[in-house]
Amino acid sequence: MYNRIYTNKSDEELQALAKTHADGAEEALAERYVREVRMCARPYFLIGGDSEDLLQEGMIGLLSAIREYDVDKGASFKTYAQTCIHNRIKSAVRSAQRMKNAPLNDGVPLDDVLSDESQALGTHYYQRSPEEQVLARETEKEFISTYSRCLSKLEAEILQLYLDGLSYGEIAAIAGRDVKAVDNAVQRIRRKLAKAVLRR
């Protein structure tokens, strides 16, 4: 309902409304970024994290972005939100690794282009240079190139769609398979990638 009301609003306009507690503005903006959260969390999940835990951490990062974004800092809301989501998920993975406590122990970041220094508060906190954006894309391409060798053609296709943040239903429609087949393929991919990572 609220999404229809706010359809023509930009992210920045919607965020400003959310800060005034306008009915449904925060929910509508969060819904726009659900796929982004999935895209950020899925690489970690494939290498051994728990998808629900990671999605929850990503959503916390997104809500933090909605509540703390400052348009005067010069970056777009999307850039800030992506950074908050990534940082929250990576922080959860690192914390779990330090504690050596499942389910996030084996999370492996694919997009680790933000240095610890860039996470300090200030203007550069959420700015990502064009060079960093290219590196992020290349990192994912390298990952897919490296690990897709151990996957079947169908599994490689499903992996790409999965990392693009598509739902099982969307993947099933594109791949011409049913949802159960997609779920089975994702589980096979997880097992194969886990073995491949251990061999590296």
C-alpha atoms as a PDB file:
ATOM      1  CA  MET A   1       0.000   0.000   0.000  1.00  0.00           C
ATOM      2  CA  TYR A   2       2.654   2.529   1.082  1.00  0.00           C
ATOM      3  CA  ASN A   3       4.910   1.544  -1.812  1.00  0.00           C
ATOM      4  CA  ARG A   4       2.223   2.756  -4.240  1.00  0.00           C
ATOM      5  CA  ILE A   5       1.951   6.067  -2.386  1.00  0.00           C
ATOM      6  CA  TYR A   6       5.707   6.610  -2.480  1.00  0.00           C
ATOM      7  CA  THR A   7       6.455   5.157  -5.925  1.00  0.00           C
ATOM      8  CA  ASN A   8       7.518   8.450  -7.480  1.00  0.00           C
ATOM      9  CA  LYS A   9       9.694   9.523  -4.552  1.00  0.00           C
ATOM     10  CA  SER A  10      13.468   9.284  -4.841  1.00  0.00           C
ATOM     11  CA  ASP A  11      15.370   7.347  -2.187  1.00  0.00           C
ATOM     12  CA  GLU A  12      16.566  10.612  -0.677  1.00  0.00           C
ATOM     13  CA  GLU A  13      13.053  12.066  -0.565  1.00  0.00           C
ATOM     14  CA  LEU A  14      11.689   8.897   0.983  1.00  0.00           C
ATOM     15  CA  GLN A  15      14.467   8.821   3.571  1.00  0.00           C
ATOM     16  CA  ALA A  16      13.706  12.412   4.518  1.00  0.00           C
ATOM     17  CA  LEU A  17      10.035  11.457   4.992  1.00  0.00           C
ATOM     18  CA  ALA A  18      11.071   8.446   7.070  1.00  0.00           C
ATOM     19  CA  LYS A  19      13.020  10.743   9.406  1.00  0.00           C
ATOM     20  CA  THR A  20       9.823  12.715  10.006  1.00  0.00           C
ATOM     21  CA  HIS A  21       8.047   9.425  10.846  1.00  0.00           C
ATOM     22  CA  ALA A  22       5.695   9.712   7.865  1.00  0.00           C
ATOM     23  CA  ASP A  23       3.394   6.683   7.796  1.00  0.00           C
ATOM     24  CA  GLY A  24       5.028   3.768   5.996  1.00  0.00           C
ATOM     25  CA  ALA A  25       7.948   5.761   4.558  1.00  0.00           C
ATOM     26  CA  GLU A  26      10.614   3.741   6.350  1.00  0.00           C
ATOM     27  CA  GLU A  27       8.933   0.453   5.414  1.00  0.00           C
ATOM     28  CA  ALA A  28       8.613   1.497   1.768  1.00  0.00           C
ATOM     29  CA  LEU A  29      12.297   2.458   1.535  1.00  0.00           C
ATOM     30  CA  ALA A  30      13.393  -0.714   3.298  1.00  0.00           C
ATOM     31  CA  GLU A  31      11.346  -2.773   0.847  1.00  0.00           C
ATOM     32  CA  ARG A  32      13.165  -1.132  -2.072  1.00  0.00           C
ATOM     33  CA  TYR A  33      16.446  -2.439  -0.677  1.00  0.00           C
ATOM     34  CA  VAL A  34      15.505  -5.992   0.289  1.00  0.00           C
ATOM     35  CA  ARG A  35      17.098  -7.323  -2.886  1.00  0.00           C
ATOM     36  CA  GLU A  36      20.260  -5.312  -2.163  1.00  0.00           C
ATOM     37  CA  VAL A  37      20.449  -6.915   1.281  1.00  0.00           C
ATOM     38  CA  ARG A  38      20.062 -10.365  -0.272  1.00  0.00           C
ATOM     39  CA  MET A  39      22.822  -9.612  -2.781  1.00  0.00           C
ATOM     40  CA  CYS A  40      25.185  -8.522  -0.004  1.00  0.00           C
ATOM     41  CA  ALA A  41      24.444 -11.512   2.221  1.00  0.00           C
ATOM     42  CA  ARG A  42      24.362 -14.352  -0.288  1.00  0.00           C
ATOM     43  CA  PRO A  43      28.091 -14.789  -0.985  1.00  0.00           C
ATOM     44  CA  TYR A  44      28.710 -15.244   2.743  1.00  0.00           C
ATOM     45  CA  PHE A  45      25.821 -17.705   2.969  1.00  0.00           C
ATOM     46  CA  LEU A  46      27.163 -19.813   0.111  1.00  0.00           C
ATOM     47  CA  ILE A  47      30.523 -20.256   1.823  1.00  0.00           C
ATOM     48  CA  GLY A  48      29.031 -21.296   5.129  1.00  0.00           C
ATOM     49  CA  GLY A  49      27.003 -18.612   6.845  1.00  0.00           C
ATOM     50  CA  ASP A  50      23.403 -18.869   7.959  1.00  0.00           C
ATOM     51  CA  SER A  51      21.154 -17.068   5.496  1.00  0.00           C
ATOM     52  CA  GLU A  52      18.577 -15.876   8.034  1.00  0.00           C
ATOM     53  CA  ASP A  53      21.220 -14.511  10.413  1.00  0.00           C
ATOM     54  CA  LEU A  54      22.995 -12.725   7.579  1.00  0.00           C
ATOM     55  CA  LEU A  55      19.783 -11.270   6.155  1.00  0.00           C
ATOM     56  CA  GLN A  56      18.828 -10.034   9.597  1.00  0.00           C
ATOM     57  CA  GLU A  57      22.218  -8.350  10.027  1.00  0.00           C
ATOM     58  CA  GLY A  58      21.904  -6.790   6.581  1.00  0.00           C
ATOM     59  CA  MET A  59      18.444  -5.437   7.391  1.00  0.00           C
ATOM     60  CA  ILE A  60      19.778  -3.916  10.616  1.00  0.00           C
ATOM     61  CA  GLY A  61      22.464  -2.194   8.547  1.00  0.00           C
ATOM     62  CA  LEU A  62      19.814  -0.941   6.126  1.00  0.00           C
ATOM     63  CA  LEU A  63      17.605   0.441   8.897  1.00  0.00           C
ATOM     64  CA  SER A  64      20.651   2.171  10.378  1.00  0.00           C
ATOM     65  CA  ALA A  65      21.300   3.753   6.974  1.00  0.00           C
ATOM     66  CA  ILE A  66      17.705   4.969   6.715  1.00  0.00           C
ATOM     67  CA  ARG A  67      17.873   6.568  10.143  1.00  0.00           C
ATOM     68  CA  GLU A  68      21.382   8.051   9.928  1.00  0.00           C
ATOM     69  CA  TYR A  69      21.835   9.099   6.292  1.00  0.00           C
ATOM     70  CA  ASP A  70      22.765  12.749   5.830  1.00  0.00           C
ATOM     71  CA  VAL A  71      22.240  14.119   2.321  1.00  0.00           C
ATOM     72  CA  ASP A  72      24.666  16.964   3.085  1.00  0.00           C
ATOM     73  CA  LYS A  73      27.585  14.493   3.215  1.00  0.00           C
ATOM     74  CA  GLY A  74      27.512  14.357  -0.580  1.00  0.00           C
ATOM     75  CA  ALA A  75      26.901  10.663  -1.290  1.00  0.00           C
ATOM     76  CA  SER A  76      23.690   9.146  -2.588  1.00  0.00           C
ATOM     77  CA  PHE A  77      21.464   7.205  -0.230  1.00  0.00           C
ATOM     78  CA  LYS A  78      22.133   4.057  -2.257  1.00  0.00           C
ATOM     79  CA  THR A  79      25.897   4.336  -1.769  1.00  0.00           C
ATOM     80  CA  TYR A  80      25.475   4.910   1.958  1.00  0.00           C
ATOM     81  CA  ALA A  81      22.968   2.076   2.344  1.00  0.00           C
ATOM     82  CA  GLN A  82      25.198  -0.393   0.461  1.00  0.00           C
ATOM     83  CA  THR A  83      28.133   0.480   2.706  1.00  0.00           C
ATOM     84  CA  CYS A  84      26.089   0.166   5.904  1.00  0.00           C
ATOM     85  CA  ILE A  85      24.702  -3.205   4.789  1.00  0.00           C
ATOM     86  CA  HIS A  86      28.129  -4.548   3.793  1.00  0.00           C
ATOM     87  CA  ASN A  87      29.792  -3.294   6.964  1.00  0.00           C
ATOM     88  CA  ARG A  88      27.112  -4.772   9.217  1.00  0.00           C
ATOM     89  CA  ILE A  89      27.334  -8.195   7.550  1.00  0.00           C
ATOM     90  CA  LYS A  90      31.142  -8.189   7.504  1.00  0.00           C
ATOM     91  CA  SER A  91      31.207  -7.146  11.155  1.00  0.00           C
ATOM     92  CA  ALA A  92      28.918 -10.063  12.066  1.00  0.00           C
ATOM     93  CA  VAL A  93      31.114 -12.489  10.124  1.00  0.00           C
ATOM     94  CA  ARG A  94      34.300 -11.190  11.756  1.00  0.00           C
ATOM     95  CA  SER A  95      32.719 -11.347  15.200  1.00  0.00           C
ATOM     96  CA  ALA A  96      31.615 -14.936  14.636  1.00  0.00           C
ATOM     97  CA  GLN A  97      35.083 -15.861  13.371  1.00  0.00           C
ATOM     98  CA  ARG A  98      36.702 -14.377  16.469  1.00  0.00           C
ATOM     99  CA  MET A  99      34.341 -16.279  18.715  1.00  0.00           C
ATOM    100  CA  LYS A 100      34.721 -19.411  16.593  1.00  0.00           C
ATOM    101  CA  ASN A 101      31.012 -19.861  16.928  1.00  0.00           C
ATOM    102  CA  ALA A 102      28.712 -21.222  14.163  1.00  0.00           C
ATOM    103  CA  PRO A 103      26.810 -20.439  11.999  1.00  0.00           C
ATOM    104  CA  LEU A 104      28.860 -17.551  10.613  1.00  0.00           C
ATOM    105  CA  ASN A 105      32.354 -18.994  11.154  1.00  0.00           C
ATOM    106  CA  ASP A 106      33.139 -19.707   7.532  1.00  0.00           C
ATOM    107  CA  GLY A 107      31.743 -16.553   5.996  1.00  0.00           C
ATOM    108  CA  VAL A 108      34.063 -15.288   3.269  1.00  0.00           C
ATOM    109  CA  PRO A 109      33.643 -11.773   1.871  1.00  0.00           C
ATOM    110  CA  LEU A 110      33.677 -11.375  -1.911  1.00  0.00           C
ATOM    111  CA  ASP A 111      33.600  -7.600  -1.791  1.00  0.00           C
ATOM    112  CA  ASP A 112      36.153  -6.411   0.721  1.00  0.00           C
ATOM    113  CA  VAL A 113      37.194  -3.242  -1.049  1.00  0.00           C
ATOM    114  CA  LEU A 114      36.488  -0.900   1.865  1.00  0.00           C
ATOM    115  CA  SER A 115      39.508  -0.553   4.126  1.00  0.00           C
ATOM    116  CA  ASP A 116      39.141  -0.333   7.882  1.00  0.00           C
ATOM    117  CA  GLU A 117      40.251   3.291   7.647  1.00  0.00           C
ATOM    118  CA  SER A 118      37.363   4.144   5.327  1.00  0.00           C
ATOM    119  CA  GLN A 119      34.900   2.978   7.940  1.00  0.00           C
ATOM    120  CA  ALA A 120      35.829   5.823  10.294  1.00  0.00           C
ATOM    121  CA  LEU A 121      33.122   8.425  10.818  1.00  0.00           C
ATOM    122  CA  GLY A 122      33.268  11.386   8.476  1.00  0.00           C
ATOM    123  CA  THR A 123      32.724  12.377   4.881  1.00  0.00           C
ATOM    124  CA  HIS A 124      34.485   9.325   3.496  1.00  0.00           C
ATOM    125  CA  TYR A 125      32.575   6.880   5.678  1.00  0.00           C
ATOM    126  CA  TYR A 126      30.199   5.867   2.915  1.00  0.00           C
ATOM    127  CA  GLN A 127      31.863   7.105  -0.262  1.00  0.00           C
ATOM    128  CA  ARG A 128      33.123   4.447  -2.663  1.00  0.00           C
ATOM    129  CA  SER A 129      35.295   5.590  -5.551  1.00  0.00           C
ATOM    130  CA  PRO A 130      34.642   4.464  -9.141  1.00  0.00           C
ATOM    131  CA  GLU A 131      37.855   2.443  -8.929  1.00  0.00           C
ATOM    132  CA  GLU A 132      36.556   0.624  -5.849  1.00  0.00           C
ATOM    133  CA  GLN A 133      33.267  -0.108  -7.606  1.00  0.00           C
ATOM    134  CA  VAL A 134      35.151  -1.651 -10.528  1.00  0.00           C
ATOM    135  CA  LEU A 135      37.254  -3.703  -8.101  1.00  0.00           C
ATOM    136  CA  ALA A 136      34.081  -4.959  -6.412  1.00  0.00           C
ATOM    137  CA  ARG A 137      32.653  -6.127  -9.728  1.00  0.00           C
ATOM    138  CA  GLU A 138      35.960  -7.712 -10.737  1.00  0.00           C
ATOM    139  CA  THR A 139      36.166  -9.509  -7.402  1.00  0.00           C
ATOM    140  CA  GLU A 140      32.767 -11.100  -7.993  1.00  0.00           C
ATOM    141  CA  LYS A 141      33.701 -11.996 -11.574  1.00  0.00           C
ATOM    142  CA  GLU A 142      36.917 -13.601 -10.343  1.00  0.00           C
ATOM    143  CA  PHE A 143      34.990 -15.548  -7.733  1.00  0.00           C
ATOM    144  CA  ILE A 144      32.498 -16.842 -10.276  1.00  0.00           C
ATOM    145  CA  SER A 145      35.264 -17.651 -12.749  1.00  0.00           C
ATOM    146  CA  THR A 146      37.270 -19.534 -10.121  1.00  0.00           C
ATOM    147  CA  TYR A 147      34.513 -21.510  -8.482  1.00  0.00           C
ATOM    148  CA  SER A 148      32.092 -22.064 -11.346  1.00  0.00           C
ATOM    149  CA  ARG A 149      34.578 -24.554 -12.787  1.00  0.00           C
ATOM    150  CA  CYS A 150      33.395 -27.086 -10.232  1.00  0.00           C
ATOM    151  CA  LEU A 151      29.739 -26.466 -11.099  1.00  0.00           C
ATOM    152  CA  SER A 152      27.511 -27.798 -13.848  1.00  0.00           C
ATOM    153  CA  LYS A 153      26.243 -25.368 -16.492  1.00  0.00           C
ATOM    154  CA  LEU A 154      22.862 -25.149 -14.734  1.00  0.00           C
ATOM    155  CA  GLU A 155      24.479 -24.625 -11.323  1.00  0.00           C
ATOM    156  CA  ALA A 156      26.716 -21.858 -12.710  1.00  0.00           C
ATOM    157  CA  GLU A 157      23.647 -20.139 -14.193  1.00  0.00           C
ATOM    158  CA  ILE A 158      21.748 -20.435 -10.930  1.00  0.00           C
ATOM    159  CA  LEU A 159      24.767 -19.152  -8.968  1.00  0.00           C
ATOM    160  CA  GLN A 160      24.903 -15.982 -11.083  1.00  0.00           C
ATOM    161  CA  LEU A 161      21.169 -15.377 -10.716  1.00  0.00           C
ATOM    162  CA  TYR A 162      21.345 -16.111  -6.992  1.00  0.00           C
ATOM    163  CA  LEU A 163      24.188 -13.628  -6.466  1.00  0.00           C
ATOM    164  CA  ASP A 164      22.152 -11.075  -8.420  1.00  0.00           C
ATOM    165  CA  GLY A 165      19.636 -11.196  -5.569  1.00  0.00           C
ATOM    166  CA  LEU A 166      16.790 -12.938  -7.384  1.00  0.00           C
ATOM    167  CA  SER A 167      14.273 -14.957  -5.401  1.00  0.00           C
ATOM    168  CA  TYR A 168      13.965 -18.723  -5.895  1.00  0.00           C
ATOM    169  CA  GLY A 169      10.739 -18.113  -7.825  1.00  0.00           C
ATOM    170  CA  GLU A 170      12.422 -15.634 -10.169  1.00  0.00           C
ATOM    171  CA  ILE A 171      15.380 -17.956 -10.700  1.00  0.00           C
ATOM    172  CA  ALA A 172      13.048 -20.876 -11.395  1.00  0.00           C
ATOM    173  CA  ALA A 173      11.173 -18.876 -14.057  1.00  0.00           C
ATOM    174  CA  ILE A 174      14.387 -17.830 -15.825  1.00  0.00           C
ATOM    175  CA  ALA A 175      16.069 -21.242 -15.595  1.00  0.00           C
ATOM    176  CA  GLY A 176      12.936 -23.186 -16.568  1.00  0.00           C
ATOM    177  CA  ARG A 177      13.011 -25.252 -13.381  1.00  0.00           C
ATOM    178  CA  ASP A 178      10.684 -25.521 -10.403  1.00  0.00           C
ATOM    179  CA  VAL A 179      11.478 -23.845  -7.074  1.00  0.00           C
ATOM    180  CA  LYS A 180      12.433 -27.139  -5.405  1.00  0.00           C
ATOM    181  CA  ALA A 181      14.998 -27.819  -8.151  1.00  0.00           C
ATOM    182  CA  VAL A 182      16.490 -24.364  -7.600  1.00  0.00           C
ATOM    183  CA  ASP A 183      16.701 -24.943  -3.848  1.00  0.00           C
ATOM    184  CA  ASN A 184      18.409 -28.309  -4.450  1.00  0.00           C
ATOM    185  CA  ALA A 185      20.867 -26.657  -6.838  1.00  0.00           C
ATOM    186  CA  VAL A 186      21.730 -23.937  -4.305  1.00  0.00           C
ATOM    187  CA  GLN A 187      22.433 -26.580  -1.671  1.00  0.00           C
ATOM    188  CA  ARG A 188      24.676 -28.478  -4.121  1.00  0.00           C
ATOM    189  CA  ILE A 189      26.480 -25.238  -4.952  1.00  0.00           C
ATOM    190  CA  ARG A 190      27.085 -24.581  -1.243  1.00  0.00           C
ATOM    191  CA  ARG A 191      28.592 -28.034  -0.752  1.00  0.00           C
ATOM    192  CA  LYS A 192      30.797 -27.759  -3.839  1.00  0.00           C
ATOM    193  CA  LEU A 193      32.009 -24.264  -2.978  1.00  0.00           C
ATOM    194  CA  ALA A 194      32.798 -25.301   0.588  1.00  0.00           C
ATOM    195  CA  LYS A 195      34.986 -28.124  -0.736  1.00  0.00           C
ATOM    196  CA  ALA A 196      36.629 -25.839  -3.302  1.00  0.00           C
ATOM    197  CA  VAL A 197      37.471 -23.232  -0.675  1.00  0.00           C
ATOM    198  CA  LEU A 198      39.053 -25.860   1.586  1.00  0.00           C
ATOM    199  CA  ARG A 199      41.259 -27.053  -1.297  1.00  0.00           C
ATOM    200  CA  ARG A 200      42.575 -23.552  -2.036  1.00  0.00           C
END
